[in-house]
Amino acid sequence: MLSLDYNDEQKELEAAIPGLQKEIDTLKSECTNVQKFLDIVRKYVHVEELTPEVLRTFISKIVVHEREKKHSQTSSQQIDIYFRYIGTFALPNTTDAAEETKQDERRTA
């Protein structure tokens, strides 16, 4: 009975190997991409002027979405910036963070 359980577990583990290997390869690729991005960042640490060359070095594409309300100049509009090697990432909402800071200050006062 233990032998059957062992054989079943071994089959499950062997079936999981390709998926886990693919995940490892993906993580290694992401690590390499982050390292490439950091190399670029180190090169441009002390940029005095934002030039088209610097922008092209860091940014691969910019996607501008439609406004929430058409023909409105004041409605919000989503803009996604895709950086080379690392893709896009979400910035923390600065207005929410500022509100939380103000509320914390009120509580401590």
PDB file of N, CA and C in Angstrom:
ATOM      1  N   MET A   1       0.830  -1.186   0.000  1.00  0.00           N
ATOM      2  CA  MET A   1       0.000   0.000   0.000  1.00  0.00           C
ATOM      3  C   MET A   1       0.883   1.263   0.000  1.00  0.00           C
ATOM      4  N   LEU A   2       1.918   1.248   0.833  1.00  0.00           N
ATOM      5  CA  LEU A   2       2.841   2.375   0.848  1.00  0.00           C
ATOM      6  C   LEU A   2       3.565   2.497  -0.490  1.00  0.00           C
ATOM      7  N   SER A   3       3.854   1.372  -1.094  1.00  0.00           N
ATOM      8  CA  SER A   3       4.534   1.366  -2.388  1.00  0.00           C
ATOM      9  C   SER A   3       3.652   2.019  -3.453  1.00  0.00           C
ATOM     10  N   LEU A   4       2.341   1.772  -3.413  1.00  0.00           N
ATOM     11  CA  LEU A   4       1.425   2.386  -4.364  1.00  0.00           C
ATOM     12  C   LEU A   4       1.380   3.905  -4.167  1.00  0.00           C
ATOM     13  N   ASP A   5       1.315   4.336  -2.899  1.00  0.00           N
ATOM     14  CA  ASP A   5       1.315   5.769  -2.614  1.00  0.00           C
ATOM     15  C   ASP A   5       2.614   6.414  -3.095  1.00  0.00           C
ATOM     16  N   TYR A   6       3.720   5.715  -2.877  1.00  0.00           N
ATOM     17  CA  TYR A   6       5.016   6.232  -3.308  1.00  0.00           C
ATOM     18  C   TYR A   6       5.054   6.357  -4.828  1.00  0.00           C
ATOM     19  N   ASN A   7       4.572   5.334  -5.527  1.00  0.00           N
ATOM     20  CA  ASN A   7       4.566   5.368  -6.996  1.00  0.00           C
ATOM     21  C   ASN A   7       3.670   6.481  -7.524  1.00  0.00           C
ATOM     22  N   ASP A   8       2.519   6.684  -6.897  1.00  0.00           N
ATOM     23  CA  ASP A   8       1.613   7.760  -7.319  1.00  0.00           C
ATOM     24  C   ASP A   8       2.265   9.134  -7.105  1.00  0.00           C
ATOM     25  N   GLU A   9       2.895   9.289  -5.952  1.00  0.00           N
ATOM     26  CA  GLU A   9       3.557  10.557  -5.669  1.00  0.00           C
ATOM     27  C   GLU A   9       4.703  10.811  -6.643  1.00  0.00           C
ATOM     28  N   GLN A  10       5.440   9.749  -6.969  1.00  0.00           N
ATOM     29  CA  GLN A  10       6.554   9.894  -7.902  1.00  0.00           C
ATOM     30  C   GLN A  10       6.044  10.286  -9.291  1.00  0.00           C
ATOM     31  N   LYS A  11       4.940   9.722  -9.724  1.00  0.00           N
ATOM     32  CA  LYS A  11       4.362  10.074 -11.029  1.00  0.00           C
ATOM     33  C   LYS A  11       3.902  11.534 -11.037  1.00  0.00           C
ATOM     34  N   GLU A  12       3.282  11.970  -9.941  1.00  0.00           N
ATOM     35  CA  GLU A  12       2.839  13.360  -9.851  1.00  0.00           C
ATOM     36  C   GLU A  12       4.026  14.320  -9.907  1.00  0.00           C
ATOM     37  N   LEU A  13       5.083  13.972  -9.186  1.00  0.00           N
ATOM     38  CA  LEU A  13       6.272  14.833  -9.177  1.00  0.00           C
ATOM     39  C   LEU A  13       6.938  14.870 -10.553  1.00  0.00           C
ATOM     40  N   GLU A  14       7.006  13.735 -11.220  1.00  0.00           N
ATOM     41  CA  GLU A  14       7.598  13.698 -12.560  1.00  0.00           C
ATOM     42  C   GLU A  14       6.761  14.490 -13.553  1.00  0.00           C
ATOM     43  N   ALA A  15       5.445  14.485 -13.370  1.00  0.00           N
ATOM     44  CA  ALA A  15       4.564  15.258 -14.256  1.00  0.00           C
ATOM     45  C   ALA A  15       4.726  16.757 -14.001  1.00  0.00           C
ATOM     46  N   ALA A  16       5.080  17.136 -12.778  1.00  0.00           N
ATOM     47  CA  ALA A  16       5.227  18.546 -12.442  1.00  0.00           C
ATOM     48  C   ALA A  16       6.568  19.125 -12.884  1.00  0.00           C
ATOM     49  N   ILE A  17       7.539  18.278 -13.184  1.00  0.00           N
ATOM     50  CA  ILE A  17       8.887  18.748 -13.528  1.00  0.00           C
ATOM     51  C   ILE A  17       8.899  19.694 -14.726  1.00  0.00           C
ATOM     52  N   PRO A  18       8.252  19.386 -15.852  1.00  0.00           N
ATOM     53  CA  PRO A  18       8.314  20.321 -16.993  1.00  0.00           C
ATOM     54  C   PRO A  18       7.751  21.704 -16.664  1.00  0.00           C
ATOM     55  N   GLY A  19       6.657  21.757 -15.941  1.00  0.00           N
ATOM     56  CA  GLY A  19       6.074  23.042 -15.567  1.00  0.00           C
ATOM     57  C   GLY A  19       6.988  23.833 -14.652  1.00  0.00           C
ATOM     58  N   LEU A  20       7.603  23.156 -13.699  1.00  0.00           N
ATOM     59  CA  LEU A  20       8.521  23.830 -12.786  1.00  0.00           C
ATOM     60  C   LEU A  20       9.784  24.295 -13.520  1.00  0.00           C
ATOM     61  N   GLN A  21      10.256  23.489 -14.469  1.00  0.00           N
ATOM     62  CA  GLN A  21      11.430  23.880 -15.244  1.00  0.00           C
ATOM     63  C   GLN A  21      11.126  25.112 -16.093  1.00  0.00           C
ATOM     64  N   LYS A  22       9.932  25.167 -16.651  1.00  0.00           N
ATOM     65  CA  LYS A  22       9.530  26.333 -17.436  1.00  0.00           C
ATOM     66  C   LYS A  22       9.480  27.575 -16.553  1.00  0.00           C
ATOM     67  N   GLU A  23       8.962  27.427 -15.336  1.00  0.00           N
ATOM     68  CA  GLU A  23       8.893  28.544 -14.400  1.00  0.00           C
ATOM     69  C   GLU A  23      10.296  29.022 -14.009  1.00  0.00           C
ATOM     70  N   ILE A  24      11.209  28.091 -13.814  1.00  0.00           N
ATOM     71  CA  ILE A  24      12.598  28.447 -13.497  1.00  0.00           C
ATOM     72  C   ILE A  24      13.214  29.219 -14.648  1.00  0.00           C
ATOM     73  N   ASP A  25      12.999  28.755 -15.882  1.00  0.00           N
ATOM     74  CA  ASP A  25      13.540  29.445 -17.053  1.00  0.00           C
ATOM     75  C   ASP A  25      12.974  30.859 -17.166  1.00  0.00           C
ATOM     76  N   THR A  26      11.686  31.011 -16.891  1.00  0.00           N
ATOM     77  CA  THR A  26      11.053  32.331 -16.940  1.00  0.00           C
ATOM     78  C   THR A  26      11.663  33.262 -15.894  1.00  0.00           C
ATOM     79  N   LEU A  27      11.859  32.768 -14.678  1.00  0.00           N
ATOM     80  CA  LEU A  27      12.442  33.583 -13.613  1.00  0.00           C
ATOM     81  C   LEU A  27      13.889  33.968 -13.935  1.00  0.00           C
ATOM     82  N   LYS A  28      14.646  33.047 -14.530  1.00  0.00           N
ATOM     83  CA  LYS A  28      16.020  33.365 -14.928  1.00  0.00           C
ATOM     84  C   LYS A  28      16.023  34.457 -15.998  1.00  0.00           C
ATOM     85  N   SER A  29      15.095  34.372 -16.933  1.00  0.00           N
ATOM     86  CA  SER A  29      14.992  35.374 -17.986  1.00  0.00           C
ATOM     87  C   SER A  29      14.633  36.734 -17.403  1.00  0.00           C
ATOM     88  N   GLU A  30      13.681  36.766 -16.478  1.00  0.00           N
ATOM     89  CA  GLU A  30      13.291  38.019 -15.829  1.00  0.00           C
ATOM     90  C   GLU A  30      14.451  38.608 -15.053  1.00  0.00           C
ATOM     91  N   CYS A  31      15.220  37.771 -14.389  1.00  0.00           N
ATOM     92  CA  CYS A  31      16.379  38.243 -13.628  1.00  0.00           C
ATOM     93  C   CYS A  31      17.401  38.871 -14.567  1.00  0.00           C
ATOM     94  N   THR A  32      17.630  38.247 -15.707  1.00  0.00           N
ATOM     95  CA  THR A  32      18.557  38.790 -16.695  1.00  0.00           C
ATOM     96  C   THR A  32      18.057  40.127 -17.210  1.00  0.00           C
ATOM     97  N   ASN A  33      16.751  40.232 -17.481  1.00  0.00           N
ATOM     98  CA  ASN A  33      16.179  41.481 -17.963  1.00  0.00           C
ATOM     99  C   ASN A  33      16.308  42.600 -16.932  1.00  0.00           C
ATOM    100  N   VAL A  34      16.087  42.295 -15.683  1.00  0.00           N
ATOM    101  CA  VAL A  34      16.220  43.303 -14.631  1.00  0.00           C
ATOM    102  C   VAL A  34      17.672  43.761 -14.544  1.00  0.00           C
ATOM    103  N   GLN A  35      18.599  42.815 -14.684  1.00  0.00           N
ATOM    104  CA  GLN A  35      20.009  43.182 -14.637  1.00  0.00           C
ATOM    105  C   GLN A  35      20.369  44.110 -15.794  1.00  0.00           C
ATOM    106  N   LYS A  36      19.839  43.829 -16.978  1.00  0.00           N
ATOM    107  CA  LYS A  36      20.083  44.706 -18.128  1.00  0.00           C
ATOM    108  C   LYS A  36      19.523  46.103 -17.871  1.00  0.00           C
ATOM    109  N   PHE A  37      18.319  46.172 -17.290  1.00  0.00           N
ATOM    110  CA  PHE A  37      17.710  47.467 -16.980  1.00  0.00           C
ATOM    111  C   PHE A  37      18.553  48.228 -15.960  1.00  0.00           C
ATOM    112  N   LEU A  38      19.038  47.529 -14.939  1.00  0.00           N
ATOM    113  CA  LEU A  38      19.870  48.181 -13.935  1.00  0.00           C
ATOM    114  C   LEU A  38      21.186  48.681 -14.530  1.00  0.00           C
ATOM    115  N   ASP A  39      21.731  47.965 -15.493  1.00  0.00           N
ATOM    116  CA  ASP A  39      22.938  48.423 -16.170  1.00  0.00           C
ATOM    117  C   ASP A  39      22.681  49.740 -16.898  1.00  0.00           C
ATOM    118  N   ILE A  40      21.525  49.846 -17.538  1.00  0.00           N
ATOM    119  CA  ILE A  40      21.159  51.090 -18.224  1.00  0.00           C
ATOM    120  C   ILE A  40      20.976  52.215 -17.206  1.00  0.00           C
ATOM    121  N   VAL A  41      20.323  51.915 -16.089  1.00  0.00           N
ATOM    122  CA  VAL A  41      20.097  52.926 -15.061  1.00  0.00           C
ATOM    123  C   VAL A  41      21.432  53.441 -14.527  1.00  0.00           C
ATOM    124  N   ARG A  42      22.365  52.544 -14.286  1.00  0.00           N
ATOM    125  CA  ARG A  42      23.677  52.973 -13.790  1.00  0.00           C
ATOM    126  C   ARG A  42      24.382  53.885 -14.787  1.00  0.00           C
ATOM    127  N   LYS A  43      24.181  53.622 -16.060  1.00  0.00           N
ATOM    128  CA  LYS A  43      24.819  54.434 -17.099  1.00  0.00           C
ATOM    129  C   LYS A  43      24.279  55.865 -17.091  1.00  0.00           C
ATOM    130  N   TYR A  44      22.990  56.011 -16.763  1.00  0.00           N
ATOM    131  CA  TYR A  44      22.339  57.324 -16.824  1.00  0.00           C
ATOM    132  C   TYR A  44      21.974  57.864 -15.444  1.00  0.00           C
ATOM    133  N   VAL A  45      22.780  57.614 -14.445  1.00  0.00           N
ATOM    134  CA  VAL A  45      22.474  58.066 -13.091  1.00  0.00           C
ATOM    135  C   VAL A  45      22.466  59.594 -13.003  1.00  0.00           C
ATOM    136  N   HIS A  46      23.415  60.236 -13.624  1.00  0.00           N
ATOM    137  CA  HIS A  46      23.554  61.686 -13.506  1.00  0.00           C
ATOM    138  C   HIS A  46      23.179  62.386 -14.805  1.00  0.00           C
ATOM    139  N   VAL A  47      21.984  62.147 -15.280  1.00  0.00           N
ATOM    140  CA  VAL A  47      21.521  62.782 -16.509  1.00  0.00           C
ATOM    141  C   VAL A  47      21.178  64.233 -16.201  1.00  0.00           C
ATOM    142  N   GLU A  48      21.769  65.132 -16.951  1.00  0.00           N
ATOM    143  CA  GLU A  48      21.511  66.560 -16.766  1.00  0.00           C
ATOM    144  C   GLU A  48      20.311  67.021 -17.587  1.00  0.00           C
ATOM    145  N   GLU A  49      20.101  66.365 -18.736  1.00  0.00           N
ATOM    146  CA  GLU A  49      19.044  66.789 -19.648  1.00  0.00           C
ATOM    147  C   GLU A  49      18.348  65.557 -20.213  1.00  0.00           C
ATOM    148  N   LEU A  50      17.033  65.613 -20.258  1.00  0.00           N
ATOM    149  CA  LEU A  50      16.254  64.516 -20.808  1.00  0.00           C
ATOM    150  C   LEU A  50      16.197  64.670 -22.330  1.00  0.00           C
ATOM    151  N   THR A  51      16.893  63.804 -23.017  1.00  0.00           N
ATOM    152  CA  THR A  51      16.983  63.888 -24.470  1.00  0.00           C
ATOM    153  C   THR A  51      16.201  62.736 -25.094  1.00  0.00           C
ATOM    154  N   PRO A  52      15.887  62.830 -26.388  1.00  0.00           N
ATOM    155  CA  PRO A  52      15.213  61.713 -27.058  1.00  0.00           C
ATOM    156  C   PRO A  52      16.011  60.413 -26.967  1.00  0.00           C
ATOM    157  N   GLU A  53      17.333  60.511 -26.984  1.00  0.00           N
ATOM    158  CA  GLU A  53      18.168  59.312 -26.872  1.00  0.00           C
ATOM    159  C   GLU A  53      17.964  58.614 -25.531  1.00  0.00           C
ATOM    160  N   VAL A  54      17.916  59.391 -24.460  1.00  0.00           N
ATOM    161  CA  VAL A  54      17.705  58.824 -23.127  1.00  0.00           C
ATOM    162  C   VAL A  54      16.324  58.187 -23.045  1.00  0.00           C
ATOM    163  N   LEU A  55      15.310  58.857 -23.575  1.00  0.00           N
ATOM    164  CA  LEU A  55      13.954  58.295 -23.564  1.00  0.00           C
ATOM    165  C   LEU A  55      13.897  56.987 -24.335  1.00  0.00           C
ATOM    166  N   ARG A  56      14.505  56.948 -25.512  1.00  0.00           N
ATOM    167  CA  ARG A  56      14.506  55.714 -26.311  1.00  0.00           C
ATOM    168  C   ARG A  56      15.273  54.599 -25.616  1.00  0.00           C
ATOM    169  N   THR A  57      16.249  54.948 -24.832  1.00  0.00           N
ATOM    170  CA  THR A  57      17.026  53.945 -24.107  1.00  0.00           C
ATOM    171  C   THR A  57      16.182  53.275 -23.033  1.00  0.00           C
ATOM    172  N   PHE A  58      15.350  54.055 -22.345  1.00  0.00           N
ATOM    173  CA  PHE A  58      14.568  53.511 -21.237  1.00  0.00           C
ATOM    174  C   PHE A  58      13.190  52.993 -21.637  1.00  0.00           C
ATOM    175  N   ILE A  59      12.549  53.633 -22.591  1.00  0.00           N
ATOM    176  CA  ILE A  59      11.141  53.343 -22.891  1.00  0.00           C
ATOM    177  C   ILE A  59      11.012  52.621 -24.219  1.00  0.00           C
ATOM    178  N   SER A  60      10.261  51.509 -24.205  1.00  0.00           N
ATOM    179  CA  SER A  60      10.037  50.777 -25.452  1.00  0.00           C
ATOM    180  C   SER A  60       8.758  51.237 -26.143  1.00  0.00           C
ATOM    181  N   LYS A  61       7.708  51.551 -25.363  1.00  0.00           N
ATOM    182  CA  LYS A  61       6.477  52.075 -25.970  1.00  0.00           C
ATOM    183  C   LYS A  61       5.613  52.754 -24.919  1.00  0.00           C
ATOM    184  N   ILE A  62       4.717  53.600 -25.412  1.00  0.00           N
ATOM    185  CA  ILE A  62       3.748  54.297 -24.567  1.00  0.00           C
ATOM    186  C   ILE A  62       2.365  54.055 -25.165  1.00  0.00           C
ATOM    187  N   VAL A  63       1.443  53.579 -24.347  1.00  0.00           N
ATOM    188  CA  VAL A  63       0.078  53.302 -24.800  1.00  0.00           C
ATOM    189  C   VAL A  63      -0.854  54.291 -24.118  1.00  0.00           C
ATOM    190  N   VAL A  64      -1.583  55.066 -24.924  1.00  0.00           N
ATOM    191  CA  VAL A  64      -2.536  56.043 -24.411  1.00  0.00           C
ATOM    192  C   VAL A  64      -3.939  55.497 -24.659  1.00  0.00           C
ATOM    193  N   HIS A  65      -4.703  55.305 -23.599  1.00  0.00           N
ATOM    194  CA  HIS A  65      -6.052  54.759 -23.691  1.00  0.00           C
ATOM    195  C   HIS A  65      -7.062  55.899 -23.891  1.00  0.00           C
ATOM    196  N   GLU A  66      -8.283  55.523 -24.265  1.00  0.00           N
ATOM    197  CA  GLU A  66      -9.340  56.526 -24.430  1.00  0.00           C
ATOM    198  C   GLU A  66      -9.716  57.118 -23.074  1.00  0.00           C
ATOM    199  N   ARG A  67     -10.225  58.325 -23.111  1.00  0.00           N
ATOM    200  CA  ARG A  67     -10.702  58.959 -21.881  1.00  0.00           C
ATOM    201  C   ARG A  67     -11.944  58.229 -21.377  1.00  0.00           C
ATOM    202  N   GLU A  68     -12.180  58.331 -20.075  1.00  0.00           N
ATOM    203  CA  GLU A  68     -13.366  57.704 -19.496  1.00  0.00           C
ATOM    204  C   GLU A  68     -14.634  58.347 -20.044  1.00  0.00           C
ATOM    205  N   LYS A  69     -14.616  59.671 -20.177  1.00  0.00           N
ATOM    206  CA  LYS A  69     -15.746  60.404 -20.764  1.00  0.00           C
ATOM    207  C   LYS A  69     -15.241  61.045 -22.047  1.00  0.00           C
ATOM    208  N   LYS A  70     -15.819  60.650 -23.148  1.00  0.00           N
ATOM    209  CA  LYS A  70     -15.374  61.193 -24.428  1.00  0.00           C
ATOM    210  C   LYS A  70     -15.667  62.688 -24.521  1.00  0.00           C
ATOM    211  N   HIS A  71     -14.792  63.394 -25.202  1.00  0.00           N
ATOM    212  CA  HIS A  71     -14.900  64.834 -25.444  1.00  0.00           C
ATOM    213  C   HIS A  71     -14.833  65.662 -24.166  1.00  0.00           C
ATOM    214  N   SER A  72     -14.287  65.111 -23.099  1.00  0.00           N
ATOM    215  CA  SER A  72     -14.130  65.846 -21.855  1.00  0.00           C
ATOM    216  C   SER A  72     -12.638  66.071 -21.612  1.00  0.00           C
ATOM    217  N   GLN A  73     -12.260  67.306 -21.409  1.00  0.00           N
ATOM    218  CA  GLN A  73     -10.850  67.608 -21.182  1.00  0.00           C
ATOM    219  C   GLN A  73     -10.422  67.356 -19.745  1.00  0.00           C
ATOM    220  N   THR A  74     -11.376  67.213 -18.846  1.00  0.00           N
ATOM    221  CA  THR A  74     -11.032  67.050 -17.439  1.00  0.00           C
ATOM    222  C   THR A  74     -11.153  65.613 -16.942  1.00  0.00           C
ATOM    223  N   SER A  75     -11.682  64.702 -17.733  1.00  0.00           N
ATOM    224  CA  SER A  75     -11.812  63.317 -17.271  1.00  0.00           C
ATOM    225  C   SER A  75     -10.446  62.636 -17.301  1.00  0.00           C
ATOM    226  N   SER A  76     -10.300  61.615 -16.474  1.00  0.00           N
ATOM    227  CA  SER A  76      -9.005  60.938 -16.382  1.00  0.00           C
ATOM    228  C   SER A  76      -8.763  60.066 -17.623  1.00  0.00           C
ATOM    229  N   GLN A  77      -7.490  59.799 -17.853  1.00  0.00           N
ATOM    230  CA  GLN A  77      -7.093  59.025 -19.016  1.00  0.00           C
ATOM    231  C   GLN A  77      -5.909  58.154 -18.622  1.00  0.00           C
ATOM    232  N   GLN A  78      -5.991  56.876 -18.942  1.00  0.00           N
ATOM    233  CA  GLN A  78      -4.937  55.946 -18.574  1.00  0.00           C
ATOM    234  C   GLN A  78      -3.810  55.988 -19.611  1.00  0.00           C
ATOM    235  N   ILE A  79      -2.584  56.053 -19.113  1.00  0.00           N
ATOM    236  CA  ILE A  79      -1.402  56.030 -19.968  1.00  0.00           C
ATOM    237  C   ILE A  79      -0.459  54.968 -19.407  1.00  0.00           C
ATOM    238  N   ASP A  80      -0.095  53.991 -20.235  1.00  0.00           N
ATOM    239  CA  ASP A  80       0.821  52.935 -19.819  1.00  0.00           C
ATOM    240  C   ASP A  80       2.180  53.176 -20.464  1.00  0.00           C
ATOM    241  N   ILE A  81       3.228  53.160 -19.655  1.00  0.00           N
ATOM    242  CA  ILE A  81       4.587  53.330 -20.148  1.00  0.00           C
ATOM    243  C   ILE A  81       5.302  51.994 -19.978  1.00  0.00           C
ATOM    244  N   TYR A  82       5.803  51.447 -21.074  1.00  0.00           N
ATOM    245  CA  TYR A  82       6.512  50.179 -21.065  1.00  0.00           C
ATOM    246  C   TYR A  82       8.012  50.440 -21.144  1.00  0.00           C
ATOM    247  N   PHE A  83       8.712  50.047 -20.105  1.00  0.00           N
ATOM    248  CA  PHE A  83      10.149  50.240 -20.058  1.00  0.00           C
ATOM    249  C   PHE A  83      10.858  49.043 -20.688  1.00  0.00           C
ATOM    250  N   ARG A  84      12.013  49.280 -21.246  1.00  0.00           N
ATOM    251  CA  ARG A  84      12.786  48.195 -21.837  1.00  0.00           C
ATOM    252  C   ARG A  84      13.167  47.197 -20.757  1.00  0.00           C
ATOM    253  N   TYR A  85      13.079  45.945 -21.095  1.00  0.00           N
ATOM    254  CA  TYR A  85      13.490  44.804 -20.271  1.00  0.00           C
ATOM    255  C   TYR A  85      12.581  44.510 -19.088  1.00  0.00           C
ATOM    256  N   ILE A  86      11.871  45.480 -18.536  1.00  0.00           N
ATOM    257  CA  ILE A  86      11.054  45.181 -17.351  1.00  0.00           C
ATOM    258  C   ILE A  86       9.562  45.369 -17.586  1.00  0.00           C
ATOM    259  N   GLY A  87       9.173  45.951 -18.704  1.00  0.00           N
ATOM    260  CA  GLY A  87       7.756  46.149 -18.993  1.00  0.00           C
ATOM    261  C   GLY A  87       7.180  47.325 -18.233  1.00  0.00           C
ATOM    262  N   THR A  88       5.905  47.249 -17.959  1.00  0.00           N
ATOM    263  CA  THR A  88       5.222  48.341 -17.259  1.00  0.00           C
ATOM    264  C   THR A  88       5.066  47.984 -15.789  1.00  0.00           C
ATOM    265  N   PHE A  89       4.929  48.998 -14.975  1.00  0.00           N
ATOM    266  CA  PHE A  89       4.638  48.771 -13.567  1.00  0.00           C
ATOM    267  C   PHE A  89       3.760  49.902 -13.066  1.00  0.00           C
ATOM    268  N   ALA A  90       2.999  49.623 -12.024  1.00  0.00           N
ATOM    269  CA  ALA A  90       2.061  50.612 -11.504  1.00  0.00           C
ATOM    270  C   ALA A  90       2.736  51.446 -10.431  1.00  0.00           C
ATOM    271  N   LEU A  91       2.637  52.742 -10.578  1.00  0.00           N
ATOM    272  CA  LEU A  91       3.144  53.650  -9.552  1.00  0.00           C
ATOM    273  C   LEU A  91       2.127  53.736  -8.430  1.00  0.00           C
ATOM    274  N   PRO A  92       2.582  53.896  -7.194  1.00  0.00           N
ATOM    275  CA  PRO A  92       1.617  54.061  -6.109  1.00  0.00           C
ATOM    276  C   PRO A  92       0.849  55.361  -6.302  1.00  0.00           C
ATOM    277  N   ASN A  93      -0.406  55.341  -5.920  1.00  0.00           N
ATOM    278  CA  ASN A  93      -1.252  56.516  -6.056  1.00  0.00           C
ATOM    279  C   ASN A  93      -0.803  57.546  -5.029  1.00  0.00           C
ATOM    280  N   THR A  94      -0.198  58.623  -5.489  1.00  0.00           N
ATOM    281  CA  THR A  94       0.378  59.612  -4.584  1.00  0.00           C
ATOM    282  C   THR A  94      -0.688  60.371  -3.814  1.00  0.00           C
ATOM    283  N   THR A  95      -1.860  60.569  -4.385  1.00  0.00           N
ATOM    284  CA  THR A  95      -2.912  61.291  -3.661  1.00  0.00           C
ATOM    285  C   THR A  95      -3.416  60.466  -2.489  1.00  0.00           C
ATOM    286  N   ASP A  96      -3.553  59.154  -2.664  1.00  0.00           N
ATOM    287  CA  ASP A  96      -3.981  58.287  -1.565  1.00  0.00           C
ATOM    288  C   ASP A  96      -2.927  58.258  -0.462  1.00  0.00           C
ATOM    289  N   ALA A  97      -1.659  58.193  -0.847  1.00  0.00           N
ATOM    290  CA  ALA A  97      -0.584  58.162   0.140  1.00  0.00           C
ATOM    291  C   ALA A  97      -0.543  59.466   0.924  1.00  0.00           C
ATOM    292  N   ALA A  98      -0.766  60.586   0.258  1.00  0.00           N
ATOM    293  CA  ALA A  98      -0.765  61.885   0.947  1.00  0.00           C
ATOM    294  C   ALA A  98      -1.922  61.968   1.936  1.00  0.00           C
ATOM    295  N   GLU A  99      -3.093  61.475   1.550  1.00  0.00           N
ATOM    296  CA  GLU A  99      -4.244  61.476   2.453  1.00  0.00           C
ATOM    297  C   GLU A  99      -3.978  60.620   3.683  1.00  0.00           C
ATOM    298  N   GLU A 100      -3.371  59.446   3.484  1.00  0.00           N
ATOM    299  CA  GLU A 100      -3.062  58.569   4.616  1.00  0.00           C
ATOM    300  C   GLU A 100      -2.079  59.245   5.563  1.00  0.00           C
ATOM    301  N   THR A 101      -1.101  59.942   5.024  1.00  0.00           N
ATOM    302  CA  THR A 101      -0.125  60.652   5.849  1.00  0.00           C
ATOM    303  C   THR A 101      -0.812  61.725   6.680  1.00  0.00           C
ATOM    304  N   LYS A 102      -1.713  62.479   6.068  1.00  0.00           N
ATOM    305  CA  LYS A 102      -2.442  63.526   6.789  1.00  0.00           C
ATOM    306  C   LYS A 102      -3.289  62.920   7.908  1.00  0.00           C
ATOM    307  N   GLN A 103      -3.952  61.791   7.624  1.00  0.00           N
ATOM    308  CA  GLN A 103      -4.783  61.148   8.631  1.00  0.00           C
ATOM    309  C   GLN A 103      -3.917  60.639   9.791  1.00  0.00           C
ATOM    310  N   ASP A 104      -2.739  60.091   9.481  1.00  0.00           N
ATOM    311  CA  ASP A 104      -1.833  59.632  10.548  1.00  0.00           C
ATOM    312  C   ASP A 104      -1.371  60.791  11.410  1.00  0.00           C
ATOM    313  N   GLU A 105      -1.090  61.930  10.779  1.00  0.00           N
ATOM    314  CA  GLU A 105      -0.653  63.100  11.540  1.00  0.00           C
ATOM    315  C   GLU A 105      -1.760  63.585  12.463  1.00  0.00           C
ATOM    316  N   ARG A 106      -3.006  63.531  11.997  1.00  0.00           N
ATOM    317  CA  ARG A 106      -4.132  63.965  12.835  1.00  0.00           C
ATOM    318  C   ARG A 106      -4.312  63.040  14.043  1.00  0.00           C
ATOM    319  N   ARG A 107      -4.112  61.740  13.823  1.00  0.00           N
ATOM    320  CA  ARG A 107      -4.272  60.780  14.908  1.00  0.00           C
ATOM    321  C   ARG A 107      -3.219  60.967  15.995  1.00  0.00           C
ATOM    322  N   THR A 108      -1.999  61.246  15.578  1.00  0.00           N
ATOM    323  CA  THR A 108      -0.916  61.389  16.554  1.00  0.00           C
ATOM    324  C   THR A 108      -0.927  62.730  17.264  1.00  0.00           C
ATOM    325  N   ALA A 109      -1.598  63.720  16.677  1.00  0.00           N
ATOM    326  CA  ALA A 109      -1.612  65.062  17.271  1.00  0.00           C
ATOM    327  C   ALA A 109      -2.583  65.175  18.424  1.00  0.00           C
TER     328      ALA A 109
END
